[in-house]
């Protein structure tokens, strides 16, 4: 079993932020927990070489079984991830704008949902999924996925734009930037920035920055569990605790305290792991 993140090889770093590798095995009779998953500023390609997962959309009261290779668009609402007993996920987290650069698929078509990766990459991803399913070596799995991504990058490379760089900066240092400020840094008008963000990120710049700031607060809580919520709010660029609490309610569907109580029962906690 494993709960680890990996850096991409140098040739892929302009497209891939990291890989998440998660493998849990639950015994027969064990109750399978779910993972509360608030929106993050990311688009992903996820492979499930063993049992897959079902995604619960609490706000819509809807459940979806994901295929064994899935492209996941920018989320705007919290979901609950329900794993299988032998759950293995290899998640490729793309840099902002990279999925559009690699596929030409407008990110807005994926916002808040997912598509079967085979519908985008055809038989290539099917063969990759078969190879991953037959492998028991985690390093080999990473090598297989990177070989696939290098081939995709060679075929469909599109140039990066300033908006991609600005969005990456928002992910690293969320704060509370205004649309006018982001447009100025991108050398675009606010309307041009809005259009390019929706095409390449799946949401407008204001929503993207809001999601990035929420995720920054979410991650900070794991690193600083003794910190009070007001200190977390101020450190993450919120004006006050009320604004942080509102973003948690609107985007994560729960108060900060309730969300972390739910996360304490997430699948990885059963094995002594947690988010980093």
C-alpha atoms as a PDB file:
ATOM      1  CA  UNK A   1       0.000   0.000   0.000  1.00  0.00           C
ATOM      2  CA  UNK A   2       1.118   3.545  -0.576  1.00  0.00           C
ATOM      3  CA  UNK A   3       0.102   7.165  -0.018  1.00  0.00           C
ATOM      4  CA  UNK A   4       2.768   9.220  -1.771  1.00  0.00           C
ATOM      5  CA  UNK A   5       3.305  12.101  -4.200  1.00  0.00           C
ATOM      6  CA  UNK A   6       5.893  12.116  -6.992  1.00  0.00           C
ATOM      7  CA  UNK A   7       7.482  14.872  -9.098  1.00  0.00           C
ATOM      8  CA  UNK A   8       7.322  14.498 -12.887  1.00  0.00           C
ATOM      9  CA  UNK A   9      10.418  14.026 -15.017  1.00  0.00           C
ATOM     10  CA  UNK A  10      11.948  17.300 -16.319  1.00  0.00           C
ATOM     11  CA  UNK A  11      10.434  17.010 -19.816  1.00  0.00           C
ATOM     12  CA  UNK A  12       6.911  17.009 -18.349  1.00  0.00           C
ATOM     13  CA  UNK A  13       7.209  19.667 -15.665  1.00  0.00           C
ATOM     14  CA  UNK A  14       5.644  22.398 -17.787  1.00  0.00           C
ATOM     15  CA  UNK A  15       2.488  20.256 -17.967  1.00  0.00           C
ATOM     16  CA  UNK A  16       2.375  18.156 -14.801  1.00  0.00           C
ATOM     17  CA  UNK A  17       2.474  19.506 -11.246  1.00  0.00           C
ATOM     18  CA  UNK A  18       2.741  16.106  -9.541  1.00  0.00           C
ATOM     19  CA  UNK A  19       1.455  12.557  -9.354  1.00  0.00           C
ATOM     20  CA  UNK A  20      -0.600  11.253  -6.433  1.00  0.00           C
ATOM     21  CA  UNK A  21      -0.334   7.514  -5.873  1.00  0.00           C
ATOM     22  CA  UNK A  22      -2.880   6.022  -3.464  1.00  0.00           C
ATOM     23  CA  UNK A  23      -3.336   2.340  -2.700  1.00  0.00           C
ATOM     24  CA  UNK A  24      -5.543   1.069   0.139  1.00  0.00           C
ATOM     25  CA  UNK A  25      -6.655  -2.497   0.819  1.00  0.00           C
ATOM     26  CA  UNK A  26      -9.587  -2.987   3.191  1.00  0.00           C
ATOM     27  CA  UNK A  27     -10.412  -6.383   4.625  1.00  0.00           C
ATOM     28  CA  UNK A  28     -13.755  -8.125   4.020  1.00  0.00           C
ATOM     29  CA  UNK A  29     -16.338  -6.880   6.496  1.00  0.00           C
ATOM     30  CA  UNK A  30     -14.630  -3.525   7.073  1.00  0.00           C
ATOM     31  CA  UNK A  31     -16.856  -0.496   6.584  1.00  0.00           C
ATOM     32  CA  UNK A  32     -15.569   1.482   3.610  1.00  0.00           C
ATOM     33  CA  UNK A  33     -15.148   5.158   4.512  1.00  0.00           C
ATOM     34  CA  UNK A  34     -15.510   8.058   2.098  1.00  0.00           C
ATOM     35  CA  UNK A  35     -13.175  10.962   1.396  1.00  0.00           C
ATOM     36  CA  UNK A  36     -14.700  14.467   1.601  1.00  0.00           C
ATOM     37  CA  UNK A  37     -13.120  16.320  -1.318  1.00  0.00           C
ATOM     38  CA  UNK A  38     -13.614  20.083  -1.512  1.00  0.00           C
ATOM     39  CA  UNK A  39     -12.737  21.733  -4.835  1.00  0.00           C
ATOM     40  CA  UNK A  40      -9.055  22.238  -5.604  1.00  0.00           C
ATOM     41  CA  UNK A  41      -7.503  24.451  -8.311  1.00  0.00           C
ATOM     42  CA  UNK A  42      -6.697  21.537 -10.592  1.00  0.00           C
ATOM     43  CA  UNK A  43      -7.632  19.343 -13.529  1.00  0.00           C
ATOM     44  CA  UNK A  44      -6.561  15.706 -13.450  1.00  0.00           C
ATOM     45  CA  UNK A  45      -6.174  12.477 -15.365  1.00  0.00           C
ATOM     46  CA  UNK A  46      -6.841   9.573 -13.008  1.00  0.00           C
ATOM     47  CA  UNK A  47      -6.278   5.848 -13.494  1.00  0.00           C
ATOM     48  CA  UNK A  48      -7.883   3.104 -11.385  1.00  0.00           C
ATOM     49  CA  UNK A  49      -5.890  -0.104 -12.064  1.00  0.00           C
ATOM     50  CA  UNK A  50      -7.777  -2.106  -9.415  1.00  0.00           C
ATOM     51  CA  UNK A  51     -11.261  -1.339  -8.113  1.00  0.00           C
ATOM     52  CA  UNK A  52     -12.526   2.104  -9.046  1.00  0.00           C
ATOM     53  CA  UNK A  53     -14.393   4.702  -7.085  1.00  0.00           C
ATOM     54  CA  UNK A  54     -17.849   6.192  -7.021  1.00  0.00           C
ATOM     55  CA  UNK A  55     -18.323   9.926  -6.755  1.00  0.00           C
ATOM     56  CA  UNK A  56     -21.134  11.351  -4.671  1.00  0.00           C
ATOM     57  CA  UNK A  57     -22.324  14.877  -5.445  1.00  0.00           C
ATOM     58  CA  UNK A  58     -24.073  15.826  -2.173  1.00  0.00           C
ATOM     59  CA  UNK A  59     -25.567  19.081  -3.437  1.00  0.00           C
ATOM     60  CA  UNK A  60     -27.218  17.308  -6.385  1.00  0.00           C
ATOM     61  CA  UNK A  61     -27.878  14.048  -4.493  1.00  0.00           C
ATOM     62  CA  UNK A  62     -26.242  12.171  -7.356  1.00  0.00           C
ATOM     63  CA  UNK A  63     -23.794   9.236  -7.570  1.00  0.00           C
ATOM     64  CA  UNK A  64     -21.505   8.450 -10.511  1.00  0.00           C
ATOM     65  CA  UNK A  65     -19.227   5.441 -11.041  1.00  0.00           C
ATOM     66  CA  UNK A  66     -16.008   6.616 -12.660  1.00  0.00           C
ATOM     67  CA  UNK A  67     -14.393   4.658 -15.534  1.00  0.00           C
ATOM     68  CA  UNK A  68     -10.942   3.160 -15.079  1.00  0.00           C
ATOM     69  CA  UNK A  69      -9.303   6.169 -16.797  1.00  0.00           C
ATOM     70  CA  UNK A  70     -10.994   9.515 -16.313  1.00  0.00           C
ATOM     71  CA  UNK A  71     -10.360  13.170 -17.097  1.00  0.00           C
ATOM     72  CA  UNK A  72     -11.591  15.296 -14.201  1.00  0.00           C
ATOM     73  CA  UNK A  73     -12.395  18.945 -14.821  1.00  0.00           C
ATOM     74  CA  UNK A  74     -12.161  21.892 -12.466  1.00  0.00           C
ATOM     75  CA  UNK A  75     -14.502  21.241  -9.569  1.00  0.00           C
ATOM     76  CA  UNK A  76     -16.625  24.023  -8.126  1.00  0.00           C
ATOM     77  CA  UNK A  77     -18.398  22.045  -5.396  1.00  0.00           C
ATOM     78  CA  UNK A  78     -17.377  19.444  -2.835  1.00  0.00           C
ATOM     79  CA  UNK A  79     -17.791  15.770  -3.662  1.00  0.00           C
ATOM     80  CA  UNK A  80     -17.438  12.608  -1.583  1.00  0.00           C
ATOM     81  CA  UNK A  81     -15.152   9.906  -2.980  1.00  0.00           C
ATOM     82  CA  UNK A  82     -16.188   6.325  -2.183  1.00  0.00           C
ATOM     83  CA  UNK A  83     -13.387   3.790  -2.661  1.00  0.00           C
ATOM     84  CA  UNK A  84     -13.391   0.046  -3.275  1.00  0.00           C
ATOM     85  CA  UNK A  85     -11.777  -2.609  -1.070  1.00  0.00           C
ATOM     86  CA  UNK A  86      -8.664  -2.859  -3.241  1.00  0.00           C
ATOM     87  CA  UNK A  87      -8.397   0.771  -4.238  1.00  0.00           C
ATOM     88  CA  UNK A  88      -5.485   2.008  -6.326  1.00  0.00           C
ATOM     89  CA  UNK A  89      -5.489   5.468  -7.934  1.00  0.00           C
ATOM     90  CA  UNK A  90      -2.714   7.099  -9.934  1.00  0.00           C
ATOM     91  CA  UNK A  91      -3.617  10.763 -10.333  1.00  0.00           C
ATOM     92  CA  UNK A  92      -1.888  13.099 -12.774  1.00  0.00           C
ATOM     93  CA  UNK A  93      -2.366  16.671 -11.537  1.00  0.00           C
ATOM     94  CA  UNK A  94      -1.937  19.074 -14.443  1.00  0.00           C
ATOM     95  CA  UNK A  95      -0.612  22.592 -14.176  1.00  0.00           C
ATOM     96  CA  UNK A  96      -3.146  25.350 -14.944  1.00  0.00           C
ATOM     97  CA  UNK A  97      -3.894  25.428 -18.656  1.00  0.00           C
ATOM     98  CA  UNK A  98      -1.873  22.281 -19.401  1.00  0.00           C
ATOM     99  CA  UNK A  99      -4.812  19.978 -20.164  1.00  0.00           C
ATOM    100  CA  UNK A 100      -6.043  22.438 -22.799  1.00  0.00           C
ATOM    101  CA  UNK A 101      -2.524  22.699 -24.225  1.00  0.00           C
ATOM    102  CA  UNK A 102      -2.234  18.922 -24.510  1.00  0.00           C
ATOM    103  CA  UNK A 103      -5.713  18.100 -25.836  1.00  0.00           C
ATOM    104  CA  UNK A 104      -7.293  21.282 -27.213  1.00  0.00           C
ATOM    105  CA  UNK A 105     -10.384  20.376 -25.198  1.00  0.00           C
ATOM    106  CA  UNK A 106     -11.998  23.574 -23.838  1.00  0.00           C
ATOM    107  CA  UNK A 107     -11.783  23.269 -20.054  1.00  0.00           C
ATOM    108  CA  UNK A 108     -15.281  24.656 -19.639  1.00  0.00           C
ATOM    109  CA  UNK A 109     -16.691  21.441 -21.104  1.00  0.00           C
ATOM    110  CA  UNK A 110     -15.279  19.551 -18.116  1.00  0.00           C
ATOM    111  CA  UNK A 111     -16.139  21.993 -15.327  1.00  0.00           C
ATOM    112  CA  UNK A 112     -17.751  20.224 -12.395  1.00  0.00           C
ATOM    113  CA  UNK A 113     -17.733  16.849 -14.101  1.00  0.00           C
ATOM    114  CA  UNK A 114     -15.562  14.198 -15.758  1.00  0.00           C
ATOM    115  CA  UNK A 115     -15.296  12.251 -19.010  1.00  0.00           C
ATOM    116  CA  UNK A 116     -13.993   8.815 -19.886  1.00  0.00           C
ATOM    117  CA  UNK A 117     -10.374   9.411 -20.934  1.00  0.00           C
ATOM    118  CA  UNK A 118     -10.804   6.883 -23.746  1.00  0.00           C
ATOM    119  CA  UNK A 119     -13.162   9.318 -25.496  1.00  0.00           C
ATOM    120  CA  UNK A 120     -10.291  11.828 -25.675  1.00  0.00           C
ATOM    121  CA  UNK A 121      -7.209   9.630 -26.095  1.00  0.00           C
ATOM    122  CA  UNK A 122      -8.858   6.667 -27.881  1.00  0.00           C
ATOM    123  CA  UNK A 123      -7.086   3.259 -27.774  1.00  0.00           C
ATOM    124  CA  UNK A 124      -3.837   4.652 -26.362  1.00  0.00           C
ATOM    125  CA  UNK A 125      -5.293   5.142 -22.900  1.00  0.00           C
ATOM    126  CA  UNK A 126      -7.058   1.773 -23.050  1.00  0.00           C
ATOM    127  CA  UNK A 127      -3.765  -0.012 -23.627  1.00  0.00           C
ATOM    128  CA  UNK A 128      -2.151   2.004 -20.844  1.00  0.00           C
ATOM    129  CA  UNK A 129      -4.955   1.056 -18.439  1.00  0.00           C
ATOM    130  CA  UNK A 130      -4.443  -2.613 -19.272  1.00  0.00           C
ATOM    131  CA  UNK A 131      -0.704  -2.369 -18.605  1.00  0.00           C
ATOM    132  CA  UNK A 132      -1.312  -0.595 -15.302  1.00  0.00           C
ATOM    133  CA  UNK A 133      -3.798  -3.254 -14.227  1.00  0.00           C
ATOM    134  CA  UNK A 134      -1.251  -6.001 -14.789  1.00  0.00           C
ATOM    135  CA  UNK A 135       1.569  -4.191 -12.959  1.00  0.00           C
ATOM    136  CA  UNK A 136       2.383  -4.566  -9.273  1.00  0.00           C
ATOM    137  CA  UNK A 137       5.351  -2.173  -9.321  1.00  0.00           C
ATOM    138  CA  UNK A 138       4.544   1.428  -8.372  1.00  0.00           C
ATOM    139  CA  UNK A 139       7.646   2.829 -10.093  1.00  0.00           C
ATOM    140  CA  UNK A 140       6.749   1.001 -13.274  1.00  0.00           C
ATOM    141  CA  UNK A 141       3.258   2.511 -13.138  1.00  0.00           C
ATOM    142  CA  UNK A 142       4.735   6.007 -13.019  1.00  0.00           C
ATOM    143  CA  UNK A 143       7.053   5.197 -15.948  1.00  0.00           C
ATOM    144  CA  UNK A 144       4.155   3.864 -18.014  1.00  0.00           C
ATOM    145  CA  UNK A 145       2.058   6.971 -17.411  1.00  0.00           C
ATOM    146  CA  UNK A 146       4.974   9.283 -18.170  1.00  0.00           C
ATOM    147  CA  UNK A 147       5.658   7.478 -21.440  1.00  0.00           C
ATOM    148  CA  UNK A 148       2.026   8.015 -22.396  1.00  0.00           C
ATOM    149  CA  UNK A 149       2.133  11.715 -21.433  1.00  0.00           C
ATOM    150  CA  UNK A 150       5.343  12.310 -23.396  1.00  0.00           C
ATOM    151  CA  UNK A 151       3.675  10.886 -26.504  1.00  0.00           C
ATOM    152  CA  UNK A 152       0.620  13.094 -25.965  1.00  0.00           C
ATOM    153  CA  UNK A 153       2.807  16.177 -25.485  1.00  0.00           C
ATOM    154  CA  UNK A 154       4.735  15.392 -28.666  1.00  0.00           C
ATOM    155  CA  UNK A 155       1.518  15.136 -30.713  1.00  0.00           C
ATOM    156  CA  UNK A 156      -0.587  17.961 -29.306  1.00  0.00           C
ATOM    157  CA  UNK A 157       1.648  20.637 -27.870  1.00  0.00           C
ATOM    158  CA  UNK A 158       0.158  24.136 -27.792  1.00  0.00           C
ATOM    159  CA  UNK A 159       1.959  27.251 -26.530  1.00  0.00           C
ATOM    160  CA  UNK A 160       1.601  28.475 -22.983  1.00  0.00           C
ATOM    161  CA  UNK A 161       0.014  31.897 -22.518  1.00  0.00           C
ATOM    162  CA  UNK A 162       0.586  34.506 -19.784  1.00  0.00           C
ATOM    163  CA  UNK A 163      -2.737  33.526 -18.213  1.00  0.00           C
ATOM    164  CA  UNK A 164      -1.331  30.024 -17.518  1.00  0.00           C
ATOM    165  CA  UNK A 165       1.619  31.514 -15.649  1.00  0.00           C
ATOM    166  CA  UNK A 166      -0.629  33.887 -13.702  1.00  0.00           C
ATOM    167  CA  UNK A 167      -2.950  31.019 -12.739  1.00  0.00           C
ATOM    168  CA  UNK A 168       0.033  28.996 -11.501  1.00  0.00           C
ATOM    169  CA  UNK A 169       1.003  31.960  -9.353  1.00  0.00           C
ATOM    170  CA  UNK A 170      -2.501  32.112  -7.915  1.00  0.00           C
ATOM    171  CA  UNK A 171      -2.233  28.432  -6.947  1.00  0.00           C
ATOM    172  CA  UNK A 172       1.113  28.985  -5.211  1.00  0.00           C
ATOM    173  CA  UNK A 173       0.254  32.326  -3.563  1.00  0.00           C
ATOM    174  CA  UNK A 174      -3.552  32.638  -3.488  1.00  0.00           C
ATOM    175  CA  UNK A 175      -4.113  35.831  -1.452  1.00  0.00           C
ATOM    176  CA  UNK A 176      -7.076  37.841  -2.672  1.00  0.00           C
ATOM    177  CA  UNK A 177      -6.186  39.222  -6.128  1.00  0.00           C
ATOM    178  CA  UNK A 178      -8.755  41.276  -8.010  1.00  0.00           C
ATOM    179  CA  UNK A 179      -9.750  40.496 -11.583  1.00  0.00           C
ATOM    180  CA  UNK A 180      -8.337  43.868 -12.652  1.00  0.00           C
ATOM    181  CA  UNK A 181      -5.001  43.044 -11.017  1.00  0.00           C
ATOM    182  CA  UNK A 182      -4.856  39.601 -12.645  1.00  0.00           C
ATOM    183  CA  UNK A 183      -5.777  41.077 -16.022  1.00  0.00           C
ATOM    184  CA  UNK A 184      -3.008  43.640 -15.705  1.00  0.00           C
ATOM    185  CA  UNK A 185      -0.446  40.971 -14.873  1.00  0.00           C
ATOM    186  CA  UNK A 186      -1.621  38.964 -17.904  1.00  0.00           C
ATOM    187  CA  UNK A 187      -1.517  42.018 -20.202  1.00  0.00           C
ATOM    188  CA  UNK A 188      -5.193  41.399 -20.981  1.00  0.00           C
ATOM    189  CA  UNK A 189      -8.446  43.267 -20.541  1.00  0.00           C
ATOM    190  CA  UNK A 190     -10.775  41.852 -17.843  1.00  0.00           C
ATOM    191  CA  UNK A 191     -13.028  40.478 -20.589  1.00  0.00           C
ATOM    192  CA  UNK A 192     -10.117  38.773 -22.390  1.00  0.00           C
ATOM    193  CA  UNK A 193      -8.910  37.323 -19.091  1.00  0.00           C
ATOM    194  CA  UNK A 194     -12.371  35.939 -18.341  1.00  0.00           C
ATOM    195  CA  UNK A 195     -12.577  34.272 -21.758  1.00  0.00           C
ATOM    196  CA  UNK A 196      -9.105  32.736 -21.606  1.00  0.00           C
ATOM    197  CA  UNK A 197      -9.596  31.487 -18.034  1.00  0.00           C
ATOM    198  CA  UNK A 198     -12.841  29.754 -18.926  1.00  0.00           C
ATOM    199  CA  UNK A 199     -11.249  28.172 -21.989  1.00  0.00           C
ATOM    200  CA  UNK A 200      -8.069  26.997 -20.233  1.00  0.00           C
ATOM    201  CA  UNK A 201      -9.056  26.661 -16.543  1.00  0.00           C
ATOM    202  CA  UNK A 202     -12.768  25.918 -16.783  1.00  0.00           C
ATOM    203  CA  UNK A 203     -13.894  28.809 -14.564  1.00  0.00           C
ATOM    204  CA  UNK A 204     -13.495  32.576 -14.433  1.00  0.00           C
ATOM    205  CA  UNK A 205     -10.515  34.165 -12.666  1.00  0.00           C
ATOM    206  CA  UNK A 206     -12.483  35.200  -9.591  1.00  0.00           C
ATOM    207  CA  UNK A 207     -13.821  31.685  -9.001  1.00  0.00           C
ATOM    208  CA  UNK A 208     -10.411  30.136  -9.662  1.00  0.00           C
ATOM    209  CA  UNK A 209      -8.752  32.450  -7.130  1.00  0.00           C
ATOM    210  CA  UNK A 210     -11.488  31.697  -4.593  1.00  0.00           C
ATOM    211  CA  UNK A 211     -10.986  27.940  -4.973  1.00  0.00           C
ATOM    212  CA  UNK A 212      -7.200  28.344  -4.714  1.00  0.00           C
ATOM    213  CA  UNK A 213      -7.510  30.313  -1.489  1.00  0.00           C
ATOM    214  CA  UNK A 214      -9.890  27.759   0.029  1.00  0.00           C
ATOM    215  CA  UNK A 215      -7.466  24.946  -0.853  1.00  0.00           C
ATOM    216  CA  UNK A 216      -4.588  26.914   0.658  1.00  0.00           C
ATOM    217  CA  UNK A 217      -6.528  27.208   3.931  1.00  0.00           C
ATOM    218  CA  UNK A 218      -7.459  23.516   3.765  1.00  0.00           C
ATOM    219  CA  UNK A 219      -3.826  22.423   3.349  1.00  0.00           C
ATOM    220  CA  UNK A 220      -2.551  24.858   5.957  1.00  0.00           C
ATOM    221  CA  UNK A 221      -4.846  23.270   8.516  1.00  0.00           C
ATOM    222  CA  UNK A 222      -3.083  19.905   8.046  1.00  0.00           C
ATOM    223  CA  UNK A 223       0.311  21.545   8.553  1.00  0.00           C
ATOM    224  CA  UNK A 224      -0.789  23.734  11.489  1.00  0.00           C
ATOM    225  CA  UNK A 225      -3.497  21.717  13.306  1.00  0.00           C
ATOM    226  CA  UNK A 226      -3.106  23.715  16.545  1.00  0.00           C
ATOM    227  CA  UNK A 227      -3.651  27.058  14.828  1.00  0.00           C
ATOM    228  CA  UNK A 228      -7.017  28.730  15.482  1.00  0.00           C
ATOM    229  CA  UNK A 229      -9.258  29.337  12.485  1.00  0.00           C
ATOM    230  CA  UNK A 230      -8.949  33.130  12.641  1.00  0.00           C
ATOM    231  CA  UNK A 231      -5.166  32.874  12.316  1.00  0.00           C
ATOM    232  CA  UNK A 232      -5.594  30.469   9.391  1.00  0.00           C
ATOM    233  CA  UNK A 233      -8.020  32.851   7.710  1.00  0.00           C
ATOM    234  CA  UNK A 234      -5.714  35.850   8.016  1.00  0.00           C
ATOM    235  CA  UNK A 235      -2.654  33.864   6.900  1.00  0.00           C
ATOM    236  CA  UNK A 236      -4.503  32.777   3.752  1.00  0.00           C
ATOM    237  CA  UNK A 237      -5.595  36.252   2.716  1.00  0.00           C
ATOM    238  CA  UNK A 238      -9.130  36.300   4.095  1.00  0.00           C
ATOM    239  CA  UNK A 239     -10.408  39.557   5.519  1.00  0.00           C
ATOM    240  CA  UNK A 240     -11.818  37.789   8.578  1.00  0.00           C
ATOM    241  CA  UNK A 241     -13.057  34.420   9.837  1.00  0.00           C
ATOM    242  CA  UNK A 242     -16.558  34.999   8.452  1.00  0.00           C
ATOM    243  CA  UNK A 243     -15.261  35.181   4.882  1.00  0.00           C
ATOM    244  CA  UNK A 244     -13.354  31.912   5.304  1.00  0.00           C
ATOM    245  CA  UNK A 245     -16.403  30.225   6.826  1.00  0.00           C
ATOM    246  CA  UNK A 246     -18.566  31.432   3.921  1.00  0.00           C
ATOM    247  CA  UNK A 247     -16.196  29.946   1.346  1.00  0.00           C
ATOM    248  CA  UNK A 248     -16.197  26.627   3.217  1.00  0.00           C
ATOM    249  CA  UNK A 249     -20.007  26.608   3.300  1.00  0.00           C
ATOM    250  CA  UNK A 250     -20.372  27.630  -0.353  1.00  0.00           C
ATOM    251  CA  UNK A 251     -17.641  25.446  -1.861  1.00  0.00           C
ATOM    252  CA  UNK A 252     -17.140  22.585   0.614  1.00  0.00           C
ATOM    253  CA  UNK A 253     -20.715  22.287   1.839  1.00  0.00           C
ATOM    254  CA  UNK A 254     -19.738  22.360   5.514  1.00  0.00           C
ATOM    255  CA  UNK A 255     -18.165  24.525   8.174  1.00  0.00           C
ATOM    256  CA  UNK A 256     -14.369  24.244   8.522  1.00  0.00           C
ATOM    257  CA  UNK A 257     -14.704  22.258  11.752  1.00  0.00           C
ATOM    258  CA  UNK A 258     -17.278  19.848  10.308  1.00  0.00           C
ATOM    259  CA  UNK A 259     -15.239  19.233   7.160  1.00  0.00           C
ATOM    260  CA  UNK A 260     -12.143  18.287   9.150  1.00  0.00           C
ATOM    261  CA  UNK A 261     -14.153  16.059  11.456  1.00  0.00           C
ATOM    262  CA  UNK A 262     -15.355  14.223   8.356  1.00  0.00           C
ATOM    263  CA  UNK A 263     -11.814  14.024   6.989  1.00  0.00           C
ATOM    264  CA  UNK A 264     -10.649  12.326  10.190  1.00  0.00           C
ATOM    265  CA  UNK A 265     -12.632   9.293   8.977  1.00  0.00           C
ATOM    266  CA  UNK A 266     -11.242   9.398   5.395  1.00  0.00           C
ATOM    267  CA  UNK A 267      -9.832   6.154   3.888  1.00  0.00           C
ATOM    268  CA  UNK A 268      -6.158   7.103   4.345  1.00  0.00           C
ATOM    269  CA  UNK A 269      -6.692   7.787   8.071  1.00  0.00           C
ATOM    270  CA  UNK A 270      -7.374   4.078   8.619  1.00  0.00           C
ATOM    271  CA  UNK A 271      -3.705   3.472   7.732  1.00  0.00           C
ATOM    272  CA  UNK A 272      -2.204   6.413   9.629  1.00  0.00           C
ATOM    273  CA  UNK A 273      -1.854   8.760   6.636  1.00  0.00           C
ATOM    274  CA  UNK A 274      -3.242  12.219   6.016  1.00  0.00           C
ATOM    275  CA  UNK A 275      -3.071  14.992   3.451  1.00  0.00           C
ATOM    276  CA  UNK A 276       0.133  17.037   3.275  1.00  0.00           C
END
